[in-house]
Amino acid sequence: MPADANAAGDIFGGWVMAQMDLSCGIRAAERARGRVVTAAVKEMAFAKPVKIGDTLCVYTHIEHVGRTSITLKVEAWAQRYLSDLMERVTHADFVMVALDTSGKPTPVPPETKA
């Protein structure tokens, strides 16, 4: 939306990063079966702008599960307005930490087999 963009029509990088954080939080919470928080974001650079009207697509992949942490590789892609063109705009590694009900780090449970 225009409120999320600068005068040139480029979406603010912070808004894009927030969408990536939300995506990682959802995926990590599913894996941890509980509350997670963002502990770190590793080396994020914006290769291309996201423009007003583009559709932002965010893809996550769990790269590593530690005792209390989950590292996800995340990519953000822009589907250009009224086009089939998809361009990767940024990527990063997000580290999420599982928390118990008192807000302390807690072990990530073993993965369940479906």
C-alpha atoms as a PDB file:
ATOM      1  CA  MET A   1       0.000   0.000   0.000  1.00  0.00           C
ATOM      2  CA  PRO A   2       1.181   3.577  -0.542  1.00  0.00           C
ATOM      3  CA  ALA A   3       1.653   4.160   3.204  1.00  0.00           C
ATOM      4  CA  ASP A   4       4.306   1.405   3.156  1.00  0.00           C
ATOM      5  CA  ALA A   5       6.317   3.030   0.353  1.00  0.00           C
ATOM      6  CA  ASN A   6       8.654   5.933  -0.307  1.00  0.00           C
ATOM      7  CA  ALA A   7       8.017   8.705  -2.826  1.00  0.00           C
ATOM      8  CA  ALA A   8       9.467   6.564  -5.654  1.00  0.00           C
ATOM      9  CA  GLY A   9       6.896   3.807  -5.023  1.00  0.00           C
ATOM     10  CA  ASP A  10       9.397   1.370  -3.475  1.00  0.00           C
ATOM     11  CA  ILE A  11       8.121  -0.592  -0.469  1.00  0.00           C
ATOM     12  CA  PHE A  12      10.164   0.030   2.687  1.00  0.00           C
ATOM     13  CA  GLY A  13      12.725  -2.698   3.398  1.00  0.00           C
ATOM     14  CA  GLY A  14      11.575  -2.815   7.018  1.00  0.00           C
ATOM     15  CA  TRP A  15       8.066  -3.772   5.911  1.00  0.00           C
ATOM     16  CA  VAL A  16       9.476  -6.570   3.720  1.00  0.00           C
ATOM     17  CA  MET A  17      11.638  -7.766   6.618  1.00  0.00           C
ATOM     18  CA  ALA A  18       8.599  -7.757   8.927  1.00  0.00           C
ATOM     19  CA  GLN A  19       6.714 -10.033   6.515  1.00  0.00           C
ATOM     20  CA  MET A  20       9.708 -12.385   6.442  1.00  0.00           C
ATOM     21  CA  ASP A  21       9.815 -12.367  10.256  1.00  0.00           C
ATOM     22  CA  LEU A  22       6.102 -13.195  10.436  1.00  0.00           C
ATOM     23  CA  SER A  23       6.576 -16.095   8.001  1.00  0.00           C
ATOM     24  CA  CYS A  24       9.503 -17.483   9.969  1.00  0.00           C
ATOM     25  CA  GLY A  25       7.578 -17.096  13.221  1.00  0.00           C
ATOM     26  CA  ILE A  26       4.644 -19.082  11.863  1.00  0.00           C
ATOM     27  CA  ARG A  27       6.829 -21.910  10.523  1.00  0.00           C
ATOM     28  CA  ALA A  28       9.062 -22.070  13.610  1.00  0.00           C
ATOM     29  CA  ALA A  29       6.046 -22.054  15.967  1.00  0.00           C
ATOM     30  CA  GLU A  30       4.568 -24.984  14.026  1.00  0.00           C
ATOM     31  CA  ARG A  31       7.845 -26.900  14.399  1.00  0.00           C
ATOM     32  CA  ALA A  32       8.352 -25.941  18.065  1.00  0.00           C
ATOM     33  CA  ARG A  33       4.671 -26.533  18.805  1.00  0.00           C
ATOM     34  CA  GLY A  34       4.637 -23.327  20.826  1.00  0.00           C
ATOM     35  CA  ARG A  35       5.799 -19.765  21.189  1.00  0.00           C
ATOM     36  CA  VAL A  36       8.956 -18.585  19.423  1.00  0.00           C
ATOM     37  CA  VAL A  37      10.800 -15.276  19.180  1.00  0.00           C
ATOM     38  CA  THR A  38      13.295 -13.915  16.702  1.00  0.00           C
ATOM     39  CA  ALA A  39      16.818 -14.105  18.114  1.00  0.00           C
ATOM     40  CA  ALA A  40      18.835 -13.075  15.039  1.00  0.00           C
ATOM     41  CA  VAL A  41      18.689 -12.203  11.375  1.00  0.00           C
ATOM     42  CA  LYS A  42      21.865 -12.957   9.493  1.00  0.00           C
ATOM     43  CA  GLU A  43      23.097 -10.751   6.648  1.00  0.00           C
ATOM     44  CA  MET A  44      20.150  -9.387   4.732  1.00  0.00           C
ATOM     45  CA  ALA A  45      20.658  -7.342   1.569  1.00  0.00           C
ATOM     46  CA  PHE A  46      18.026  -6.063  -0.825  1.00  0.00           C
ATOM     47  CA  ALA A  47      18.870  -6.992  -4.420  1.00  0.00           C
ATOM     48  CA  LYS A  48      15.778  -5.460  -6.027  1.00  0.00           C
ATOM     49  CA  PRO A  49      12.953  -3.207  -4.891  1.00  0.00           C
ATOM     50  CA  VAL A  50       9.380  -4.265  -4.231  1.00  0.00           C
ATOM     51  CA  LYS A  51       7.062  -1.770  -5.911  1.00  0.00           C
ATOM     52  CA  ILE A  52       3.527  -0.695  -5.068  1.00  0.00           C
ATOM     53  CA  GLY A  53       1.216  -3.254  -6.698  1.00  0.00           C
ATOM     54  CA  ASP A  54       3.685  -6.153  -6.614  1.00  0.00           C
ATOM     55  CA  THR A  55       2.716  -9.314  -4.753  1.00  0.00           C
ATOM     56  CA  LEU A  56       5.265 -10.271  -2.098  1.00  0.00           C
ATOM     57  CA  CYS A  57       5.841 -14.022  -1.784  1.00  0.00           C
ATOM     58  CA  VAL A  58       7.833 -15.320   1.194  1.00  0.00           C
ATOM     59  CA  TYR A  59       9.247 -18.848   1.317  1.00  0.00           C
ATOM     60  CA  THR A  60      10.810 -20.501   4.364  1.00  0.00           C
ATOM     61  CA  HIS A  61      12.817 -23.661   4.854  1.00  0.00           C
ATOM     62  CA  ILE A  62      13.986 -25.054   8.188  1.00  0.00           C
ATOM     63  CA  GLU A  63      17.743 -25.410   7.829  1.00  0.00           C
ATOM     64  CA  HIS A  64      18.689 -26.528  11.343  1.00  0.00           C
ATOM     65  CA  VAL A  65      17.043 -27.379  14.656  1.00  0.00           C
ATOM     66  CA  GLY A  66      19.176 -26.923  17.748  1.00  0.00           C
ATOM     67  CA  ARG A  67      18.289 -27.564  21.378  1.00  0.00           C
ATOM     68  CA  THR A  68      16.152 -24.413  21.741  1.00  0.00           C
ATOM     69  CA  SER A  69      16.642 -22.711  18.378  1.00  0.00           C
ATOM     70  CA  ILE A  70      15.432 -23.133  14.830  1.00  0.00           C
ATOM     71  CA  THR A  71      17.350 -21.641  11.890  1.00  0.00           C
ATOM     72  CA  LEU A  72      15.312 -20.924   8.783  1.00  0.00           C
ATOM     73  CA  LYS A  73      16.404 -19.891   5.322  1.00  0.00           C
ATOM     74  CA  VAL A  74      13.914 -17.368   4.009  1.00  0.00           C
ATOM     75  CA  GLU A  75      13.521 -15.769   0.596  1.00  0.00           C
ATOM     76  CA  ALA A  76      11.266 -12.917  -0.474  1.00  0.00           C
ATOM     77  CA  TRP A  77      10.156 -12.755  -4.094  1.00  0.00           C
ATOM     78  CA  ALA A  78       8.141 -10.093  -5.889  1.00  0.00           C
ATOM     79  CA  GLN A  79       5.606 -11.067  -8.492  1.00  0.00           C
ATOM     80  CA  ARG A  80       5.548  -7.943 -10.589  1.00  0.00           C
ATOM     81  CA  TYR A  81       2.224  -6.135 -10.972  1.00  0.00           C
ATOM     82  CA  LEU A  82       0.035  -7.591 -13.741  1.00  0.00           C
ATOM     83  CA  SER A  83       2.848  -9.912 -14.778  1.00  0.00           C
ATOM     84  CA  ASP A  84       4.019 -13.490 -14.333  1.00  0.00           C
ATOM     85  CA  LEU A  85       7.557 -12.215 -13.699  1.00  0.00           C
ATOM     86  CA  MET A  86       8.931 -13.322 -10.310  1.00  0.00           C
ATOM     87  CA  GLU A  87      12.146 -11.766  -8.957  1.00  0.00           C
ATOM     88  CA  ARG A  88      13.975 -12.584  -5.741  1.00  0.00           C
ATOM     89  CA  VAL A  89      14.296  -9.340  -3.810  1.00  0.00           C
ATOM     90  CA  THR A  90      16.090 -10.520  -0.665  1.00  0.00           C
ATOM     91  CA  HIS A  91      17.017 -13.526   1.436  1.00  0.00           C
ATOM     92  CA  ALA A  92      18.398 -14.193   4.911  1.00  0.00           C
ATOM     93  CA  ASP A  93      18.786 -16.709   7.705  1.00  0.00           C
ATOM     94  CA  PHE A  94      16.470 -16.140  10.674  1.00  0.00           C
ATOM     95  CA  VAL A  95      17.176 -17.742  14.044  1.00  0.00           C
ATOM     96  CA  MET A  96      14.098 -18.321  16.173  1.00  0.00           C
ATOM     97  CA  VAL A  97      14.135 -19.478  19.805  1.00  0.00           C
ATOM     98  CA  ALA A  98      11.391 -21.568  21.430  1.00  0.00           C
ATOM     99  CA  LEU A  99      10.042 -20.189  24.715  1.00  0.00           C
ATOM    100  CA  ASP A 100       8.092 -21.754  27.564  1.00  0.00           C
ATOM    101  CA  THR A 101       5.100 -20.123  29.272  1.00  0.00           C
ATOM    102  CA  SER A 102       7.379 -18.026  31.501  1.00  0.00           C
ATOM    103  CA  GLY A 103       9.340 -16.690  28.534  1.00  0.00           C
ATOM    104  CA  LYS A 104      12.475 -18.790  29.057  1.00  0.00           C
ATOM    105  CA  PRO A 105      14.155 -20.762  26.246  1.00  0.00           C
ATOM    106  CA  THR A 106      12.789 -24.291  26.091  1.00  0.00           C
ATOM    107  CA  PRO A 107      13.869 -27.357  24.121  1.00  0.00           C
ATOM    108  CA  VAL A 108      12.351 -27.823  20.669  1.00  0.00           C
ATOM    109  CA  PRO A 109      10.429 -31.121  20.784  1.00  0.00           C
ATOM    110  CA  PRO A 110      11.459 -33.983  18.507  1.00  0.00           C
ATOM    111  CA  GLU A 111       9.945 -33.930  15.037  1.00  0.00           C
ATOM    112  CA  THR A 112       6.814 -36.048  14.722  1.00  0.00           C
ATOM    113  CA  LYS A 113       6.444 -38.445  11.799  1.00  0.00           C
ATOM    114  CA  ALA A 114       3.265 -38.020   9.801  1.00  0.00           C
END
